Amino acid sequence: MMAYNYKNDFPIFQHTDVAYIDNAATAQRPQCVLDAVADFYRCHNANPLRGLYPLSVEATDIYEQARETVRGFIGAKSASLPATRPRA
């Protein structure tokens, strides 16, 4: 069985052969993350946890869904998952 080539998921590596090792400053993002962020900004852009208007509630729901996905991925209990509030 061939190992999955995760490098193919990152657009930056499709046009350069750079060996990126500066993850402490910023990490490269796979295409699925870029797509999700672009979708959020196009369709759901509002401050999560800040408002009671429909778009903010929708942004909060998406934010909480992401936290739940991370919690499930790392096997954490809900109460033990640290989170920070978005900056105003």
N, C-alpha and C. Protein backbone atom coordinates (compact mmCIF):
# COMPACT_ATOMS: atom_id res chain seq x y z
N MET A 1 0.85 -1.17 0.00
CA MET A 1 0.00 0.00 0.00
C MET A 1 0.90 1.25 0.00
N MET A 2 0.57 2.19 -0.86
CA MET A 2 1.36 3.43 -0.93
C MET A 2 0.87 4.41 0.13
N ALA A 3 1.80 5.11 0.72
CA ALA A 3 1.46 6.13 1.71
C ALA A 3 0.82 7.31 1.01
N TYR A 4 -0.12 7.96 1.69
CA TYR A 4 -0.79 9.14 1.13
C TYR A 4 0.19 10.30 1.10
N ASN A 5 0.25 11.01 0.00
CA ASN A 5 1.15 12.15 -0.14
C ASN A 5 0.41 13.42 0.26
N TYR A 6 0.51 13.78 1.52
CA TYR A 6 -0.20 14.94 2.06
C TYR A 6 0.27 16.24 1.42
N LYS A 7 1.46 16.27 0.93
CA LYS A 7 1.99 17.48 0.31
C LYS A 7 1.11 17.92 -0.87
N ASN A 8 0.45 16.99 -1.51
CA ASN A 8 -0.44 17.32 -2.63
C ASN A 8 -1.66 18.12 -2.20
N ASP A 9 -1.99 18.12 -0.92
CA ASP A 9 -3.15 18.86 -0.41
C ASP A 9 -2.87 20.36 -0.25
N PHE A 10 -1.62 20.77 -0.35
CA PHE A 10 -1.21 22.15 -0.11
C PHE A 10 -0.87 22.84 -1.42
N PRO A 11 -1.68 23.83 -1.81
CA PRO A 11 -1.45 24.50 -3.09
C PRO A 11 -0.05 25.09 -3.26
N ILE A 12 0.53 25.61 -2.19
CA ILE A 12 1.84 26.24 -2.31
C ILE A 12 2.90 25.27 -2.81
N PHE A 13 2.74 24.01 -2.49
CA PHE A 13 3.74 23.02 -2.90
C PHE A 13 3.51 22.52 -4.32
N GLN A 14 2.44 22.97 -4.96
CA GLN A 14 2.17 22.56 -6.33
C GLN A 14 2.99 23.36 -7.33
N HIS A 15 3.46 24.54 -6.91
CA HIS A 15 4.21 25.37 -7.85
C HIS A 15 5.61 25.73 -7.34
N THR A 16 6.04 25.09 -6.28
CA THR A 16 7.37 25.34 -5.75
C THR A 16 7.87 24.08 -5.05
N ASP A 17 9.16 23.93 -5.00
CA ASP A 17 9.72 22.77 -4.30
C ASP A 17 10.33 23.18 -2.96
N VAL A 18 9.83 24.27 -2.40
CA VAL A 18 10.32 24.78 -1.14
C VAL A 18 10.13 23.76 -0.02
N ALA A 19 11.07 23.73 0.89
CA ALA A 19 10.94 22.94 2.11
C ALA A 19 10.57 23.93 3.21
N TYR A 20 9.31 23.99 3.57
CA TYR A 20 8.81 25.00 4.50
C TYR A 20 8.94 24.49 5.92
N ILE A 21 9.77 25.17 6.73
CA ILE A 21 9.99 24.73 8.11
C ILE A 21 9.76 25.85 9.12
N ASP A 22 9.07 26.93 8.71
CA ASP A 22 8.84 28.06 9.61
C ASP A 22 7.45 27.99 10.22
N ASN A 23 7.02 26.83 10.70
CA ASN A 23 5.68 26.66 11.25
C ASN A 23 5.44 27.43 12.53
N ALA A 24 6.48 27.86 13.21
CA ALA A 24 6.28 28.65 14.42
C ALA A 24 5.71 30.02 14.08
N ALA A 25 6.03 30.54 12.92
CA ALA A 25 5.54 31.85 12.50
C ALA A 25 4.18 31.74 11.82
N THR A 26 4.04 30.80 10.92
CA THR A 26 2.77 30.56 10.23
C THR A 26 2.83 29.19 9.59
N ALA A 27 1.71 28.56 9.48
CA ALA A 27 1.65 27.24 8.88
C ALA A 27 0.97 27.33 7.51
N GLN A 28 1.43 26.53 6.59
CA GLN A 28 0.77 26.45 5.29
C GLN A 28 -0.57 25.74 5.49
N ARG A 29 -1.54 26.10 4.65
CA ARG A 29 -2.88 25.53 4.79
C ARG A 29 -3.22 24.64 3.60
N PRO A 30 -3.85 23.51 3.86
CA PRO A 30 -4.29 22.67 2.75
C PRO A 30 -5.48 23.31 2.03
N GLN A 31 -5.74 22.89 0.81
CA GLN A 31 -6.80 23.47 0.00
C GLN A 31 -8.15 23.42 0.69
N CYS A 32 -8.45 22.34 1.41
CA CYS A 32 -9.76 22.24 2.07
C CYS A 32 -9.94 23.34 3.12
N VAL A 33 -8.87 23.75 3.79
CA VAL A 33 -8.95 24.84 4.76
C VAL A 33 -9.13 26.17 4.05
N LEU A 34 -8.39 26.39 2.98
CA LEU A 34 -8.54 27.62 2.20
C LEU A 34 -9.97 27.74 1.67
N ASP A 35 -10.53 26.63 1.20
CA ASP A 35 -11.90 26.64 0.70
C ASP A 35 -12.91 26.96 1.80
N ALA A 36 -12.71 26.37 2.98
CA ALA A 36 -13.63 26.60 4.09
C ALA A 36 -13.58 28.05 4.56
N VAL A 37 -12.38 28.62 4.64
CA VAL A 37 -12.24 30.01 5.06
C VAL A 37 -12.87 30.94 4.03
N ALA A 38 -12.62 30.68 2.75
CA ALA A 38 -13.20 31.51 1.69
C ALA A 38 -14.73 31.43 1.74
N ASP A 39 -15.27 30.23 1.95
CA ASP A 39 -16.72 30.08 2.05
C ASP A 39 -17.28 30.86 3.23
N PHE A 40 -16.59 30.80 4.36
CA PHE A 40 -17.05 31.55 5.53
C PHE A 40 -17.10 33.05 5.22
N TYR A 41 -16.02 33.57 4.64
CA TYR A 41 -16.00 35.01 4.33
C TYR A 41 -17.03 35.39 3.27
N ARG A 42 -17.28 34.50 2.31
CA ARG A 42 -18.26 34.81 1.26
C ARG A 42 -19.69 34.74 1.77
N CYS A 43 -19.99 33.76 2.64
CA CYS A 43 -21.39 33.44 2.94
C CYS A 43 -21.81 33.61 4.40
N HIS A 44 -20.88 33.66 5.33
CA HIS A 44 -21.24 33.63 6.75
C HIS A 44 -20.48 34.65 7.59
N ASN A 45 -19.85 35.61 6.98
CA ASN A 45 -18.92 36.49 7.69
C ASN A 45 -19.63 37.41 8.69
N ALA A 46 -19.45 37.10 9.95
CA ALA A 46 -19.93 37.92 11.07
C ALA A 46 -19.14 37.49 12.30
N ASN A 47 -19.19 38.30 13.34
CA ASN A 47 -18.48 37.96 14.57
C ASN A 47 -19.22 36.85 15.32
N PRO A 48 -18.58 35.69 15.49
CA PRO A 48 -19.22 34.66 16.31
C PRO A 48 -19.20 35.08 17.78
N LEU A 49 -20.19 34.62 18.51
CA LEU A 49 -20.29 34.84 19.96
C LEU A 49 -20.49 36.31 20.34
N ARG A 50 -20.90 37.14 19.39
CA ARG A 50 -20.98 38.56 19.68
C ARG A 50 -22.35 39.17 19.47
N GLY A 51 -23.19 38.55 18.64
CA GLY A 51 -24.45 39.20 18.32
C GLY A 51 -25.62 38.24 18.31
N LEU A 52 -26.80 38.81 18.31
CA LEU A 52 -28.03 38.02 18.27
C LEU A 52 -28.72 38.11 16.93
N TYR A 53 -28.13 38.79 15.98
CA TYR A 53 -28.72 38.85 14.65
C TYR A 53 -28.41 37.56 13.90
N PRO A 54 -29.23 37.20 12.91
CA PRO A 54 -29.11 35.88 12.29
C PRO A 54 -27.72 35.52 11.75
N LEU A 55 -27.04 36.45 11.12
CA LEU A 55 -25.73 36.12 10.57
C LEU A 55 -24.71 35.82 11.66
N SER A 56 -24.78 36.54 12.77
CA SER A 56 -23.88 36.27 13.89
C SER A 56 -24.19 34.92 14.54
N VAL A 57 -25.46 34.60 14.66
CA VAL A 57 -25.85 33.31 15.22
C VAL A 57 -25.34 32.18 14.31
N GLU A 58 -25.47 32.37 13.00
CA GLU A 58 -24.97 31.38 12.05
C GLU A 58 -23.45 31.23 12.17
N ALA A 59 -22.73 32.35 12.29
CA ALA A 59 -21.28 32.30 12.46
C ALA A 59 -20.91 31.58 13.75
N THR A 60 -21.67 31.82 14.81
CA THR A 60 -21.43 31.15 16.09
C THR A 60 -21.65 29.64 15.94
N ASP A 61 -22.70 29.25 15.26
CA ASP A 61 -22.95 27.82 15.04
C ASP A 61 -21.80 27.16 14.29
N ILE A 62 -21.28 27.82 13.27
CA ILE A 62 -20.16 27.29 12.50
C ILE A 62 -18.92 27.20 13.38
N TYR A 63 -18.68 28.21 14.18
CA TYR A 63 -17.56 28.24 15.11
C TYR A 63 -17.64 27.05 16.08
N GLU A 64 -18.82 26.86 16.65
CA GLU A 64 -19.01 25.76 17.61
C GLU A 64 -18.90 24.40 16.92
N GLN A 65 -19.38 24.28 15.70
CA GLN A 65 -19.23 23.03 14.95
C GLN A 65 -17.76 22.71 14.73
N ALA A 66 -16.96 23.73 14.43
CA ALA A 66 -15.52 23.53 14.24
C ALA A 66 -14.87 23.06 15.54
N ARG A 67 -15.26 23.67 16.66
CA ARG A 67 -14.72 23.23 17.95
C ARG A 67 -15.08 21.77 18.23
N GLU A 68 -16.31 21.39 17.91
CA GLU A 68 -16.74 20.01 18.13
C GLU A 68 -15.96 19.04 17.24
N THR A 69 -15.69 19.45 16.01
CA THR A 69 -14.90 18.62 15.11
C THR A 69 -13.50 18.40 15.67
N VAL A 70 -12.88 19.48 16.14
CA VAL A 70 -11.55 19.37 16.74
C VAL A 70 -11.60 18.49 17.99
N ARG A 71 -12.61 18.72 18.83
CA ARG A 71 -12.75 17.93 20.05
C ARG A 71 -12.83 16.45 19.72
N GLY A 72 -13.66 16.10 18.74
CA GLY A 72 -13.77 14.70 18.35
C GLY A 72 -12.49 14.15 17.76
N PHE A 73 -11.79 14.97 16.98
CA PHE A 73 -10.55 14.54 16.34
C PHE A 73 -9.47 14.21 17.36
N ILE A 74 -9.37 15.03 18.41
CA ILE A 74 -8.31 14.80 19.40
C ILE A 74 -8.80 13.97 20.58
N GLY A 75 -10.10 13.64 20.59
CA GLY A 75 -10.64 12.80 21.66
C GLY A 75 -10.76 13.50 23.00
N ALA A 76 -10.99 14.80 22.98
CA ALA A 76 -11.12 15.57 24.23
C ALA A 76 -12.56 15.57 24.71
N LYS A 77 -12.71 15.74 26.01
CA LYS A 77 -14.04 15.95 26.57
C LYS A 77 -14.42 17.41 26.32
N SER A 78 -15.69 17.67 26.15
CA SER A 78 -16.14 19.03 25.82
C SER A 78 -15.61 20.07 26.81
N ALA A 79 -15.67 19.76 28.07
CA ALA A 79 -15.26 20.74 29.09
C ALA A 79 -13.75 20.96 29.10
N SER A 80 -12.99 20.01 28.55
CA SER A 80 -11.54 20.13 28.61
C SER A 80 -10.94 20.75 27.37
N LEU A 81 -11.76 21.14 26.40
CA LEU A 81 -11.23 21.71 25.17
C LEU A 81 -11.04 23.21 25.34
N PRO A 82 -9.78 23.66 25.40
CA PRO A 82 -9.56 25.10 25.55
C PRO A 82 -9.94 25.81 24.26
N ALA A 83 -10.42 27.00 24.40
CA ALA A 83 -10.76 27.81 23.24
C ALA A 83 -10.55 29.27 23.58
N THR A 84 -10.26 30.03 22.60
CA THR A 84 -10.14 31.47 22.79
C THR A 84 -11.27 32.15 22.04
N ARG A 85 -11.66 33.27 22.54
CA ARG A 85 -12.67 34.06 21.85
C ARG A 85 -12.01 34.81 20.72
N PRO A 86 -12.71 35.00 19.63
CA PRO A 86 -12.14 35.82 18.54
C PRO A 86 -11.92 37.23 19.04
N ARG A 87 -10.90 37.86 18.55
CA ARG A 87 -10.63 39.25 18.92
C ARG A 87 -11.67 40.16 18.30
N ALA A 88 -12.00 41.19 19.02
CA ALA A 88 -12.99 42.16 18.49
C ALA A 88 -12.34 43.08 17.50
